[in-house]
PDB file of N, CA and C in Angstrom:
ATOM      1  N   MET A   1       0.965  -9.796 -17.638  1.00  0.00           N
ATOM      2  CA  MET A   1       0.839  -9.337 -16.276  1.00  0.00           C
ATOM      3  C   MET A   1       0.432 -10.501 -15.377  1.00  0.00           C
ATOM      4  N   VAL A   2       1.019 -10.583 -14.207  1.00  0.00           N
ATOM      5  CA  VAL A   2       0.710 -11.609 -13.222  1.00  0.00           C
ATOM      6  C   VAL A   2       0.064 -10.917 -12.022  1.00  0.00           C
ATOM      7  N   SER A   3      -1.069 -11.431 -11.583  1.00  0.00           N
ATOM      8  CA  SER A   3      -1.746 -10.904 -10.399  1.00  0.00           C
ATOM      9  C   SER A   3      -1.780 -11.988  -9.339  1.00  0.00           C
ATOM     10  N   ALA A   4      -1.800 -11.552  -8.089  1.00  0.00           N
ATOM     11  CA  ALA A   4      -1.864 -12.514  -6.990  1.00  0.00           C
ATOM     12  C   ALA A   4      -2.470 -11.840  -5.766  1.00  0.00           C
ATOM     13  N   TYR A   5      -2.975 -12.678  -4.885  1.00  0.00           N
ATOM     14  CA  TYR A   5      -3.369 -12.229  -3.555  1.00  0.00           C
ATOM     15  C   TYR A   5      -2.279 -12.723  -2.611  1.00  0.00           C
ATOM     16  N   VAL A   6      -1.821 -11.847  -1.737  1.00  0.00           N
ATOM     17  CA  VAL A   6      -0.820 -12.229  -0.749  1.00  0.00           C
ATOM     18  C   VAL A   6      -1.496 -12.187   0.617  1.00  0.00           C
ATOM     19  N   LEU A   7      -1.582 -13.350   1.254  1.00  0.00           N
ATOM     20  CA  LEU A   7      -2.178 -13.458   2.583  1.00  0.00           C
ATOM     21  C   LEU A   7      -1.048 -13.275   3.587  1.00  0.00           C
ATOM     22  N   ILE A   8      -1.256 -12.368   4.530  1.00  0.00           N
ATOM     23  CA  ILE A   8      -0.158 -11.949   5.401  1.00  0.00           C
ATOM     24  C   ILE A   8      -0.538 -12.123   6.859  1.00  0.00           C
ATOM     25  N   LEU A   9       0.347 -12.768   7.588  1.00  0.00           N
ATOM     26  CA  LEU A   9       0.222 -12.899   9.037  1.00  0.00           C
ATOM     27  C   LEU A   9       1.160 -11.861   9.651  1.00  0.00           C
ATOM     28  N   THR A  10       0.621 -11.033  10.548  1.00  0.00           N
ATOM     29  CA  THR A  10       1.428  -9.981  11.160  1.00  0.00           C
ATOM     30  C   THR A  10       1.633 -10.247  12.643  1.00  0.00           C
ATOM     31  N   GLN A  11       2.511  -9.471  13.228  1.00  0.00           N
ATOM     32  CA  GLN A  11       2.672  -9.494  14.670  1.00  0.00           C
ATOM     33  C   GLN A  11       1.419  -8.893  15.301  1.00  0.00           C
ATOM     34  N   VAL A  12       1.139  -9.277  16.526  1.00  0.00           N
ATOM     35  CA  VAL A  12      -0.068  -8.824  17.225  1.00  0.00           C
ATOM     36  C   VAL A  12      -0.131  -7.295  17.236  1.00  0.00           C
ATOM     37  N   GLY A  13      -1.285  -6.770  16.837  1.00  0.00           N
ATOM     38  CA  GLY A  13      -1.524  -5.336  16.870  1.00  0.00           C
ATOM     39  C   GLY A  13      -0.923  -4.554  15.723  1.00  0.00           C
ATOM     40  N   GLN A  14      -0.354  -5.229  14.721  1.00  0.00           N
ATOM     41  CA  GLN A  14       0.334  -4.542  13.629  1.00  0.00           C
ATOM     42  C   GLN A  14      -0.427  -4.545  12.300  1.00  0.00           C
ATOM     43  N   ALA A  15      -1.590  -5.176  12.238  1.00  0.00           N
ATOM     44  CA  ALA A  15      -2.282  -5.359  10.954  1.00  0.00           C
ATOM     45  C   ALA A  15      -2.592  -4.042  10.254  1.00  0.00           C
ATOM     46  N   ALA A  16      -3.170  -3.087  10.957  1.00  0.00           N
ATOM     47  CA  ALA A  16      -3.564  -1.822  10.317  1.00  0.00           C
ATOM     48  C   ALA A  16      -2.344  -1.069   9.798  1.00  0.00           C
ATOM     49  N   ARG A  17      -1.275  -1.006  10.583  1.00  0.00           N
ATOM     50  CA  ARG A  17      -0.078  -0.300  10.165  1.00  0.00           C
ATOM     51  C   ARG A  17       0.579  -0.984   8.972  1.00  0.00           C
ATOM     52  N   VAL A  18       0.639  -2.326   9.014  1.00  0.00           N
ATOM     53  CA  VAL A  18       1.218  -3.085   7.898  1.00  0.00           C
ATOM     54  C   VAL A  18       0.411  -2.851   6.624  1.00  0.00           C
ATOM     55  N   ALA A  19      -0.904  -2.907   6.702  1.00  0.00           N
ATOM     56  CA  ALA A  19      -1.752  -2.684   5.523  1.00  0.00           C
ATOM     57  C   ALA A  19      -1.518  -1.291   4.939  1.00  0.00           C
ATOM     58  N   GLU A  20      -1.421  -0.283   5.796  1.00  0.00           N
ATOM     59  CA  GLU A  20      -1.166   1.079   5.316  1.00  0.00           C
ATOM     60  C   GLU A  20       0.171   1.180   4.598  1.00  0.00           C
ATOM     61  N   GLU A  21       1.202   0.575   5.174  1.00  0.00           N
ATOM     62  CA  GLU A  21       2.526   0.646   4.559  1.00  0.00           C
ATOM     63  C   GLU A  21       2.567  -0.136   3.250  1.00  0.00           C
ATOM     64  N   LEU A  22       1.954  -1.311   3.212  1.00  0.00           N
ATOM     65  CA  LEU A  22       1.940  -2.103   1.985  1.00  0.00           C
ATOM     66  C   LEU A  22       1.245  -1.367   0.850  1.00  0.00           C
ATOM     67  N   ALA A  23       0.180  -0.643   1.163  1.00  0.00           N
ATOM     68  CA  ALA A  23      -0.590   0.065   0.139  1.00  0.00           C
ATOM     69  C   ALA A  23       0.241   1.112  -0.590  1.00  0.00           C
ATOM     70  N   THR A  24       1.364   1.532  -0.013  1.00  0.00           N
ATOM     71  CA  THR A  24       2.210   2.541  -0.657  1.00  0.00           C
ATOM     72  C   THR A  24       3.255   1.933  -1.584  1.00  0.00           C
ATOM     73  N   LEU A  25       3.425   0.616  -1.569  1.00  0.00           N
ATOM     74  CA  LEU A  25       4.454  -0.032  -2.383  1.00  0.00           C
ATOM     75  C   LEU A  25       4.030  -0.155  -3.842  1.00  0.00           C
ATOM     76  N   ASP A  26       4.980   0.061  -4.753  1.00  0.00           N
ATOM     77  CA  ASP A  26       4.717  -0.168  -6.172  1.00  0.00           C
ATOM     78  C   ASP A  26       4.384  -1.633  -6.386  1.00  0.00           C
ATOM     79  N   GLY A  27       3.350  -1.896  -7.150  1.00  0.00           N
ATOM     80  CA  GLY A  27       2.925  -3.267  -7.426  1.00  0.00           C
ATOM     81  C   GLY A  27       1.820  -3.747  -6.513  1.00  0.00           C
ATOM     82  N   VAL A  28       1.571  -3.037  -5.425  1.00  0.00           N
ATOM     83  CA  VAL A  28       0.483  -3.407  -4.511  1.00  0.00           C
ATOM     84  C   VAL A  28      -0.740  -2.582  -4.900  1.00  0.00           C
ATOM     85  N   GLU A  29      -1.755  -3.268  -5.422  1.00  0.00           N
ATOM     86  CA  GLU A  29      -2.976  -2.591  -5.858  1.00  0.00           C
ATOM     87  C   GLU A  29      -3.858  -2.206  -4.675  1.00  0.00           C
ATOM     88  N   SER A  30      -3.917  -3.079  -3.677  1.00  0.00           N
ATOM     89  CA  SER A  30      -4.689  -2.797  -2.465  1.00  0.00           C
ATOM     90  C   SER A  30      -4.148  -3.671  -1.341  1.00  0.00           C
ATOM     91  N   ALA A  31      -4.353  -3.192  -0.115  1.00  0.00           N
ATOM     92  CA  ALA A  31      -3.961  -3.960   1.066  1.00  0.00           C
ATOM     93  C   ALA A  31      -4.967  -3.626   2.157  1.00  0.00           C
ATOM     94  N   GLU A  32      -5.616  -4.649   2.661  1.00  0.00           N
ATOM     95  CA  GLU A  32      -6.663  -4.436   3.656  1.00  0.00           C
ATOM     96  C   GLU A  32      -6.462  -5.371   4.833  1.00  0.00           C
ATOM     97  N   ASP A  33      -6.727  -4.853   6.042  1.00  0.00           N
ATOM     98  CA  ASP A  33      -6.676  -5.732   7.203  1.00  0.00           C
ATOM     99  C   ASP A  33      -8.009  -6.462   7.295  1.00  0.00           C
ATOM    100  N   VAL A  34      -7.939  -7.731   7.658  1.00  0.00           N
ATOM    101  CA  VAL A  34      -9.114  -8.609   7.672  1.00  0.00           C
ATOM    102  C   VAL A  34      -9.110  -9.431   8.963  1.00  0.00           C
ATOM    103  N   THR A  35     -10.218 -10.117   9.210  1.00  0.00           N
ATOM    104  CA  THR A  35     -10.275 -11.047  10.332  1.00  0.00           C
ATOM    105  C   THR A  35     -10.141 -12.465   9.790  1.00  0.00           C
ATOM    106  N   GLY A  36      -9.771 -13.384  10.640  1.00  0.00           N
ATOM    107  CA  GLY A  36      -9.613 -14.776  10.223  1.00  0.00           C
ATOM    108  C   GLY A  36      -8.193 -15.231  10.473  1.00  0.00           C
ATOM    109  N   PRO A  37      -7.764 -16.280   9.793  1.00  0.00           N
ATOM    110  CA  PRO A  37      -6.435 -16.835  10.046  1.00  0.00           C
ATOM    111  C   PRO A  37      -5.296 -15.914   9.586  1.00  0.00           C
ATOM    112  N   TYR A  38      -5.571 -14.988   8.667  1.00  0.00           N
ATOM    113  CA  TYR A  38      -4.578 -14.016   8.230  1.00  0.00           C
ATOM    114  C   TYR A  38      -5.034 -12.635   8.660  1.00  0.00           C
ATOM    115  N   ASP A  39      -4.099 -11.703   8.723  1.00  0.00           N
ATOM    116  CA  ASP A  39      -4.383 -10.371   9.234  1.00  0.00           C
ATOM    117  C   ASP A  39      -4.528  -9.321   8.140  1.00  0.00           C
ATOM    118  N   VAL A  40      -3.837  -9.514   7.024  1.00  0.00           N
ATOM    119  CA  VAL A  40      -3.867  -8.571   5.905  1.00  0.00           C
ATOM    120  C   VAL A  40      -3.927  -9.369   4.615  1.00  0.00           C
ATOM    121  N   ILE A  41      -4.703  -8.879   3.652  1.00  0.00           N
ATOM    122  CA  ILE A  41      -4.708  -9.448   2.308  1.00  0.00           C
ATOM    123  C   ILE A  41      -4.345  -8.330   1.339  1.00  0.00           C
ATOM    124  N   ALA A  42      -3.329  -8.587   0.509  1.00  0.00           N
ATOM    125  CA  ALA A  42      -2.905  -7.609  -0.487  1.00  0.00           C
ATOM    126  C   ALA A  42      -3.135  -8.169  -1.883  1.00  0.00           C
ATOM    127  N   ARG A  43      -3.618  -7.323  -2.776  1.00  0.00           N
ATOM    128  CA  ARG A  43      -3.741  -7.675  -4.201  1.00  0.00           C
ATOM    129  C   ARG A  43      -2.547  -7.042  -4.890  1.00  0.00           C
ATOM    130  N   VAL A  44      -1.742  -7.853  -5.567  1.00  0.00           N
ATOM    131  CA  VAL A  44      -0.518  -7.351  -6.188  1.00  0.00           C
ATOM    132  C   VAL A  44      -0.473  -7.717  -7.660  1.00  0.00           C
ATOM    133  N   THR A  45       0.305  -6.948  -8.426  1.00  0.00           N
ATOM    134  CA  THR A  45       0.527  -7.243  -9.839  1.00  0.00           C
ATOM    135  C   THR A  45       2.006  -7.037 -10.153  1.00  0.00           C
ATOM    136  N   ALA A  46       2.482  -7.818 -11.116  1.00  0.00           N
ATOM    137  CA  ALA A  46       3.865  -7.703 -11.586  1.00  0.00           C
ATOM    138  C   ALA A  46       3.906  -8.140 -13.041  1.00  0.00           C
ATOM    139  N   ALA A  47       4.963  -7.763 -13.719  1.00  0.00           N
ATOM    140  CA  ALA A  47       5.087  -8.100 -15.140  1.00  0.00           C
ATOM    141  C   ALA A  47       5.339  -9.582 -15.356  1.00  0.00           C
ATOM    142  N   THR A  48       6.095 -10.217 -14.452  1.00  0.00           N
ATOM    143  CA  THR A  48       6.439 -11.627 -14.593  1.00  0.00           C
ATOM    144  C   THR A  48       6.331 -12.324 -13.241  1.00  0.00           C
ATOM    145  N   VAL A  49       6.374 -13.641 -13.265  1.00  0.00           N
ATOM    146  CA  VAL A  49       6.366 -14.417 -12.022  1.00  0.00           C
ATOM    147  C   VAL A  49       7.621 -14.108 -11.196  1.00  0.00           C
ATOM    148  N   ASP A  50       8.756 -13.932 -11.868  1.00  0.00           N
ATOM    149  CA  ASP A  50       9.988 -13.594 -11.150  1.00  0.00           C
ATOM    150  C   ASP A  50       9.853 -12.253 -10.434  1.00  0.00           C
ATOM    151  N   GLU A  51       9.282 -11.262 -11.113  1.00  0.00           N
ATOM    152  CA  GLU A  51       9.080  -9.954 -10.484  1.00  0.00           C
ATOM    153  C   GLU A  51       8.096 -10.056  -9.329  1.00  0.00           C
ATOM    154  N   LEU A  52       7.093 -10.904  -9.471  1.00  0.00           N
ATOM    155  CA  LEU A  52       6.149 -11.133  -8.381  1.00  0.00           C
ATOM    156  C   LEU A  52       6.883 -11.687  -7.166  1.00  0.00           C
ATOM    157  N   GLY A  53       7.735 -12.655  -7.391  1.00  0.00           N
ATOM    158  CA  GLY A  53       8.520 -13.223  -6.304  1.00  0.00           C
ATOM    159  C   GLY A  53       9.397 -12.191  -5.627  1.00  0.00           C
ATOM    160  N   ARG A  54      10.043 -11.335  -6.425  1.00  0.00           N
ATOM    161  CA  ARG A  54      10.886 -10.282  -5.849  1.00  0.00           C
ATOM    162  C   ARG A  54      10.055  -9.293  -5.038  1.00  0.00           C
ATOM    163  N   LEU A  55       8.861  -8.949  -5.516  1.00  0.00           N
ATOM    164  CA  LEU A  55       7.983  -8.044  -4.786  1.00  0.00           C
ATOM    165  C   LEU A  55       7.639  -8.616  -3.417  1.00  0.00           C
ATOM    166  N   VAL A  56       7.294  -9.892  -3.390  1.00  0.00           N
ATOM    167  CA  VAL A  56       6.897 -10.513  -2.123  1.00  0.00           C
ATOM    168  C   VAL A  56       8.094 -10.659  -1.189  1.00  0.00           C
ATOM    169  N   VAL A  57       9.191 -11.198  -1.686  1.00  0.00           N
ATOM    170  CA  VAL A  57      10.334 -11.488  -0.821  1.00  0.00           C
ATOM    171  C   VAL A  57      11.121 -10.231  -0.446  1.00  0.00           C
ATOM    172  N   ALA A  58      11.380  -9.369  -1.409  1.00  0.00           N
ATOM    173  CA  ALA A  58      12.247  -8.219  -1.157  1.00  0.00           C
ATOM    174  C   ALA A  58      11.508  -7.002  -0.615  1.00  0.00           C
ATOM    175  N   ARG A  59      10.211  -6.915  -0.838  1.00  0.00           N
ATOM    176  CA  ARG A  59       9.487  -5.717  -0.406  1.00  0.00           C
ATOM    177  C   ARG A  59       8.460  -6.031   0.676  1.00  0.00           C
ATOM    178  N   ILE A  60       7.523  -6.929   0.395  1.00  0.00           N
ATOM    179  CA  ILE A  60       6.431  -7.189   1.346  1.00  0.00           C
ATOM    180  C   ILE A  60       6.948  -7.854   2.613  1.00  0.00           C
ATOM    181  N   GLN A  61       7.769  -8.891   2.479  1.00  0.00           N
ATOM    182  CA  GLN A  61       8.251  -9.596   3.666  1.00  0.00           C
ATOM    183  C   GLN A  61       9.216  -8.755   4.497  1.00  0.00           C
ATOM    184  N   GLN A  62       9.724  -7.671   3.943  1.00  0.00           N
ATOM    185  CA  GLN A  62      10.646  -6.806   4.672  1.00  0.00           C
ATOM    186  C   GLN A  62       9.940  -5.728   5.485  1.00  0.00           C
ATOM    187  N   VAL A  63       8.631  -5.582   5.305  1.00  0.00           N
ATOM    188  CA  VAL A  63       7.882  -4.588   6.089  1.00  0.00           C
ATOM    189  C   VAL A  63       7.876  -5.019   7.548  1.00  0.00           C
ATOM    190  N   GLU A  64       8.221  -4.104   8.421  1.00  0.00           N
ATOM    191  CA  GLU A  64       8.247  -4.416   9.850  1.00  0.00           C
ATOM    192  C   GLU A  64       6.860  -4.827  10.328  1.00  0.00           C
ATOM    193  N   GLY A  65       6.795  -5.939  11.031  1.00  0.00           N
ATOM    194  CA  GLY A  65       5.526  -6.455  11.536  1.00  0.00           C
ATOM    195  C   GLY A  65       4.993  -7.630  10.751  1.00  0.00           C
ATOM    196  N   VAL A  66       5.545  -7.894   9.553  1.00  0.00           N
ATOM    197  CA  VAL A  66       5.126  -9.043   8.750  1.00  0.00           C
ATOM    198  C   VAL A  66       5.850 -10.286   9.275  1.00  0.00           C
ATOM    199  N   ASP A  67       5.081 -11.306   9.641  1.00  0.00           N
ATOM    200  CA  ASP A  67       5.665 -12.564  10.120  1.00  0.00           C
ATOM    201  C   ASP A  67       5.725 -13.628   9.034  1.00  0.00           C
ATOM    202  N   ARG A  68       4.676 -13.734   8.230  1.00  0.00           N
ATOM    203  CA  ARG A  68       4.593 -14.825   7.253  1.00  0.00           C
ATOM    204  C   ARG A  68       3.690 -14.397   6.103  1.00  0.00           C
ATOM    205  N   THR A  69       3.970 -14.909   4.901  1.00  0.00           N
ATOM    206  CA  THR A  69       3.121 -14.627   3.748  1.00  0.00           C
ATOM    207  C   THR A  69       2.771 -15.919   3.017  1.00  0.00           C
ATOM    208  N   LEU A  70       1.653 -15.881   2.320  1.00  0.00           N
ATOM    209  CA  LEU A  70       1.244 -16.970   1.441  1.00  0.00           C
ATOM    210  C   LEU A  70       0.759 -16.315   0.149  1.00  0.00           C
ATOM    211  N   THR A  71       1.443 -16.597  -0.951  1.00  0.00           N
ATOM    212  CA  THR A  71       1.121 -15.963  -2.241  1.00  0.00           C
ATOM    213  C   THR A  71       0.222 -16.875  -3.048  1.00  0.00           C
ATOM    214  N   CYS A  72      -0.907 -16.318  -3.489  1.00  0.00           N
ATOM    215  CA  CYS A  72      -1.907 -17.078  -4.255  1.00  0.00           C
ATOM    216  C   CYS A  72      -2.069 -16.425  -5.632  1.00  0.00           C
ATOM    217  N   PRO A  73      -1.358 -16.917  -6.655  1.00  0.00           N
ATOM    218  CA  PRO A  73      -1.493 -16.329  -7.995  1.00  0.00           C
ATOM    219  C   PRO A  73      -2.901 -16.507  -8.546  1.00  0.00           C
ATOM    220  N   VAL A  74      -3.352 -15.503  -9.275  1.00  0.00           N
ATOM    221  CA  VAL A  74      -4.662 -15.551  -9.917  1.00  0.00           C
ATOM    222  C   VAL A  74      -4.516 -16.309 -11.225  1.00  0.00           C
ATOM    223  N   VAL A  75      -5.428 -17.235 -11.506  1.00  0.00           N
ATOM    224  CA  VAL A  75      -5.397 -17.994 -12.764  1.00  0.00           C
ATOM    225  C   VAL A  75      -6.712 -17.787 -13.510  1.00  0.00           C
ATOM    226  N   SER A  76      -6.633 -17.921 -14.814  1.00  0.00           N
ATOM    227  CA  SER A  76      -7.843 -17.854 -15.649  1.00  0.00           C
ATOM    228  C   SER A  76      -8.178 -19.264 -16.092  1.00  0.00           C
ATOM    229  N   LEU A  77      -9.330 -19.767 -15.687  1.00  0.00           N
ATOM    230  CA  LEU A  77      -9.732 -21.134 -16.038  1.00  0.00           C
ATOM    231  C   LEU A  77     -10.695 -21.142 -17.191  1.00  0.00           C
TER     232      LEU A  77
END
């Protein structure tokens, strides 16, 4: 299993709606609107790195109001 945090920049005034919609997607464990340089942070999981990429590109980035994403995979040190 691959886990990651996806930092999301949204259009002005869209953070709460984007977080709500993301939370309904398969593979998204949580999505919360936050303050700071990003507007939403989502915790996601996928079976493989390829599936993680498809989740971000084909599902998360397609949500209306999402402008940009930054995917931060979780590592075990």
